[in-house]
N, C-alpha and C. Protein backbone atom coordinates (compact mmCIF):
# COMPACT_ATOMS: atom_id res chain seq x y z
N MET A 1 -33.93 -145.85 81.35
CA MET A 1 -32.64 -146.24 81.84
C MET A 1 -32.64 -147.74 82.06
N ASP A 2 -31.53 -148.39 81.75
CA ASP A 2 -31.38 -149.82 81.90
C ASP A 2 -30.91 -150.15 83.33
N ASN A 3 -31.71 -150.87 84.10
CA ASN A 3 -31.36 -151.20 85.46
C ASN A 3 -30.59 -152.54 85.53
N SER A 4 -30.20 -153.08 84.42
CA SER A 4 -29.45 -154.35 84.46
C SER A 4 -28.13 -154.23 85.21
N PHE A 5 -27.61 -153.00 85.33
CA PHE A 5 -26.34 -152.85 86.06
C PHE A 5 -26.50 -153.22 87.50
N LEU A 6 -27.69 -153.09 88.07
CA LEU A 6 -27.90 -153.42 89.49
C LEU A 6 -27.76 -154.92 89.74
N ASN A 7 -27.86 -155.71 88.69
CA ASN A 7 -27.76 -157.18 88.84
C ASN A 7 -26.31 -157.65 88.83
N HIS A 8 -25.37 -156.73 88.54
CA HIS A 8 -23.95 -157.11 88.49
C HIS A 8 -23.35 -156.86 89.89
N HIS A 9 -22.27 -157.60 90.10
CA HIS A 9 -21.61 -157.50 91.42
C HIS A 9 -20.34 -156.63 91.37
N ARG A 10 -19.99 -156.15 90.21
CA ARG A 10 -18.81 -155.32 90.14
C ARG A 10 -19.11 -153.93 90.64
N LEU A 11 -18.22 -153.36 91.38
CA LEU A 11 -18.40 -152.02 91.92
C LEU A 11 -18.54 -151.02 90.76
N SER A 12 -17.75 -151.17 89.70
CA SER A 12 -17.80 -150.24 88.61
C SER A 12 -19.16 -150.18 87.94
N ASP A 13 -19.90 -151.29 87.93
CA ASP A 13 -21.25 -151.28 87.33
C ASP A 13 -22.20 -150.45 88.16
N ARG A 14 -22.05 -150.56 89.47
CA ARG A 14 -22.94 -149.78 90.37
C ARG A 14 -22.59 -148.30 90.35
N ILE A 15 -21.32 -148.01 90.26
CA ILE A 15 -20.90 -146.61 90.14
C ILE A 15 -21.45 -146.01 88.84
N PHE A 16 -21.37 -146.78 87.78
CA PHE A 16 -21.89 -146.31 86.48
C PHE A 16 -23.38 -146.03 86.58
N PHE A 17 -24.09 -146.88 87.24
CA PHE A 17 -25.54 -146.69 87.44
C PHE A 17 -25.80 -145.36 88.19
N ALA A 18 -25.03 -145.13 89.27
CA ALA A 18 -25.16 -143.88 90.04
C ALA A 18 -24.77 -142.66 89.18
N LEU A 19 -23.77 -142.86 88.33
CA LEU A 19 -23.35 -141.76 87.42
C LEU A 19 -24.48 -141.44 86.43
N GLN A 20 -25.18 -142.45 85.92
CA GLN A 20 -26.31 -142.21 85.05
C GLN A 20 -27.39 -141.41 85.77
N LEU A 21 -27.68 -141.72 87.02
CA LEU A 21 -28.69 -140.96 87.80
C LEU A 21 -28.24 -139.53 88.01
N ALA A 22 -26.99 -139.31 88.34
CA ALA A 22 -26.48 -137.95 88.53
C ALA A 22 -26.63 -137.14 87.26
N ILE A 23 -26.34 -137.75 86.12
CA ILE A 23 -26.43 -137.03 84.85
C ILE A 23 -27.92 -136.74 84.54
N GLU A 24 -28.81 -137.68 84.80
CA GLU A 24 -30.21 -137.45 84.58
C GLU A 24 -30.72 -136.30 85.43
N GLN A 25 -30.17 -136.17 86.64
CA GLN A 25 -30.58 -135.11 87.55
C GLN A 25 -29.75 -133.83 87.31
N LYS A 26 -28.88 -133.86 86.33
CA LYS A 26 -28.05 -132.71 85.94
C LYS A 26 -27.19 -132.21 87.12
N ASP A 27 -26.68 -133.15 87.89
CA ASP A 27 -25.82 -132.84 89.03
C ASP A 27 -24.38 -133.07 88.64
N ALA A 28 -23.75 -132.06 88.05
CA ALA A 28 -22.42 -132.19 87.52
C ALA A 28 -21.37 -132.42 88.60
N GLN A 29 -21.55 -131.81 89.77
CA GLN A 29 -20.57 -131.99 90.81
C GLN A 29 -20.49 -133.45 91.30
N ILE A 30 -21.66 -134.07 91.58
CA ILE A 30 -21.68 -135.45 91.99
C ILE A 30 -21.19 -136.33 90.85
N ALA A 31 -21.57 -136.03 89.62
CA ALA A 31 -21.12 -136.78 88.47
C ALA A 31 -19.61 -136.80 88.36
N ASP A 32 -18.97 -135.66 88.62
CA ASP A 32 -17.51 -135.59 88.59
C ASP A 32 -16.90 -136.54 89.63
N PHE A 33 -17.45 -136.55 90.83
CA PHE A 33 -16.95 -137.47 91.88
C PHE A 33 -17.10 -138.91 91.40
N LEU A 34 -18.26 -139.18 90.82
CA LEU A 34 -18.52 -140.59 90.37
C LEU A 34 -17.63 -141.00 89.20
N VAL A 35 -17.30 -140.07 88.29
CA VAL A 35 -16.38 -140.39 87.22
C VAL A 35 -15.02 -140.78 87.80
N ARG A 36 -14.55 -140.04 88.75
CA ARG A 36 -13.24 -140.37 89.37
C ARG A 36 -13.30 -141.73 90.08
N ALA A 37 -14.40 -141.99 90.74
CA ALA A 37 -14.58 -143.28 91.40
C ALA A 37 -14.64 -144.42 90.37
N LEU A 38 -15.33 -144.17 89.31
CA LEU A 38 -15.46 -145.17 88.24
C LEU A 38 -14.07 -145.49 87.64
N GLU A 39 -13.31 -144.43 87.37
CA GLU A 39 -11.95 -144.64 86.83
C GLU A 39 -11.13 -145.48 87.76
N GLN A 40 -11.18 -145.19 89.05
CA GLN A 40 -10.38 -145.96 90.02
C GLN A 40 -10.91 -147.39 90.12
N ALA A 41 -12.18 -147.62 90.11
CA ALA A 41 -12.74 -148.94 90.20
C ALA A 41 -12.35 -149.77 88.98
N MET A 42 -12.28 -149.12 87.81
CA MET A 42 -11.98 -149.88 86.60
C MET A 42 -10.49 -150.17 86.42
N THR A 43 -9.63 -149.38 87.07
CA THR A 43 -8.20 -149.55 86.84
C THR A 43 -7.40 -150.03 88.04
N ARG A 44 -8.03 -150.15 89.20
CA ARG A 44 -7.26 -150.60 90.37
C ARG A 44 -6.77 -152.01 90.11
N ASN A 45 -5.66 -152.31 90.73
CA ASN A 45 -5.01 -153.61 90.61
C ASN A 45 -4.48 -153.82 89.15
N SER A 46 -4.28 -152.74 88.43
CA SER A 46 -3.73 -152.85 87.09
C SER A 46 -2.30 -152.32 87.08
N GLY A 47 -1.38 -153.16 86.73
CA GLY A 47 -0.02 -152.71 86.61
C GLY A 47 0.62 -152.35 87.92
N GLY A 48 1.77 -151.71 87.82
CA GLY A 48 2.50 -151.29 89.03
C GLY A 48 2.44 -149.82 89.22
N GLY A 49 3.39 -149.27 89.96
CA GLY A 49 3.41 -147.86 90.28
C GLY A 49 3.53 -146.94 89.10
N GLU A 50 4.13 -147.40 88.02
CA GLU A 50 4.34 -146.59 86.82
C GLU A 50 3.29 -146.91 85.76
N PHE A 51 2.24 -147.65 86.11
CA PHE A 51 1.22 -148.04 85.19
C PHE A 51 0.47 -146.84 84.64
N VAL A 52 0.28 -146.80 83.32
CA VAL A 52 -0.48 -145.74 82.69
C VAL A 52 -1.65 -146.46 81.90
N GLU A 53 -2.84 -146.05 82.20
CA GLU A 53 -4.02 -146.66 81.55
C GLU A 53 -4.06 -146.22 80.09
N ARG A 54 -4.13 -147.21 79.18
CA ARG A 54 -4.16 -146.91 77.76
C ARG A 54 -5.40 -147.37 77.09
N ARG A 55 -6.30 -148.02 77.82
CA ARG A 55 -7.56 -148.50 77.23
C ARG A 55 -8.56 -147.35 77.12
N ASP A 56 -9.45 -147.45 76.17
CA ASP A 56 -10.54 -146.50 76.05
C ASP A 56 -11.71 -147.02 76.86
N PHE A 57 -12.56 -146.09 77.28
CA PHE A 57 -13.78 -146.50 77.97
C PHE A 57 -14.70 -147.17 76.98
N PRO A 58 -15.54 -148.10 77.46
CA PRO A 58 -16.58 -148.67 76.60
C PRO A 58 -17.49 -147.58 76.08
N PRO A 59 -18.19 -147.84 74.93
CA PRO A 59 -19.05 -146.80 74.35
C PRO A 59 -20.10 -146.23 75.27
N GLU A 60 -20.72 -147.04 76.12
CA GLU A 60 -21.75 -146.51 77.00
C GLU A 60 -21.16 -145.54 78.03
N ILE A 61 -19.93 -145.71 78.44
CA ILE A 61 -19.30 -144.77 79.36
C ILE A 61 -18.93 -143.48 78.57
N GLU A 62 -18.41 -143.63 77.36
CA GLU A 62 -18.10 -142.48 76.52
C GLU A 62 -19.35 -141.62 76.31
N THR A 63 -20.50 -142.24 76.12
CA THR A 63 -21.76 -141.51 75.93
C THR A 63 -22.12 -140.73 77.16
N ILE A 64 -22.01 -141.38 78.35
CA ILE A 64 -22.31 -140.70 79.59
C ILE A 64 -21.36 -139.49 79.82
N LEU A 65 -20.07 -139.72 79.54
CA LEU A 65 -19.11 -138.60 79.70
C LEU A 65 -19.42 -137.45 78.76
N SER A 66 -19.87 -137.77 77.55
CA SER A 66 -20.28 -136.71 76.63
C SER A 66 -21.46 -135.94 77.17
N ARG A 67 -22.43 -136.66 77.71
CA ARG A 67 -23.60 -135.99 78.32
C ARG A 67 -23.17 -135.08 79.49
N LEU A 68 -22.21 -135.53 80.27
CA LEU A 68 -21.72 -134.73 81.40
C LEU A 68 -21.04 -133.44 80.86
N ARG A 69 -20.26 -133.57 79.82
CA ARG A 69 -19.64 -132.38 79.20
C ARG A 69 -20.70 -131.39 78.73
N ASP A 70 -21.77 -131.92 78.14
CA ASP A 70 -22.86 -131.06 77.66
C ASP A 70 -23.55 -130.32 78.83
N ILE A 71 -23.72 -131.04 79.96
CA ILE A 71 -24.36 -130.42 81.15
C ILE A 71 -23.48 -129.29 81.66
N LYS A 72 -22.16 -129.53 81.69
CA LYS A 72 -21.24 -128.52 82.19
C LYS A 72 -21.27 -127.30 81.30
N LYS A 73 -21.34 -127.49 80.00
CA LYS A 73 -21.35 -126.36 79.05
C LYS A 73 -22.60 -125.53 79.24
N SER A 74 -23.71 -126.16 79.58
CA SER A 74 -24.97 -125.43 79.70
C SER A 74 -25.14 -124.74 81.05
N GLN A 75 -24.29 -125.00 81.96
CA GLN A 75 -24.40 -124.39 83.30
C GLN A 75 -23.63 -123.13 83.41
């Protein structure tokens, strides 16, 4: 696992690192909470009340989300 995220000051980087740990530990429930927190951290202060997020997640986040889906299927 790449610990370079700990050197960043953005909240979303640290949440992503925690999400990686939850996935490695196969803790789907905590991972779900962290995914929601990550989404909020990445999109807060974007647009107004009617704002709809249209960006895709970066590839490393898509990979983690895919791993989470795999964990959920196996449980």
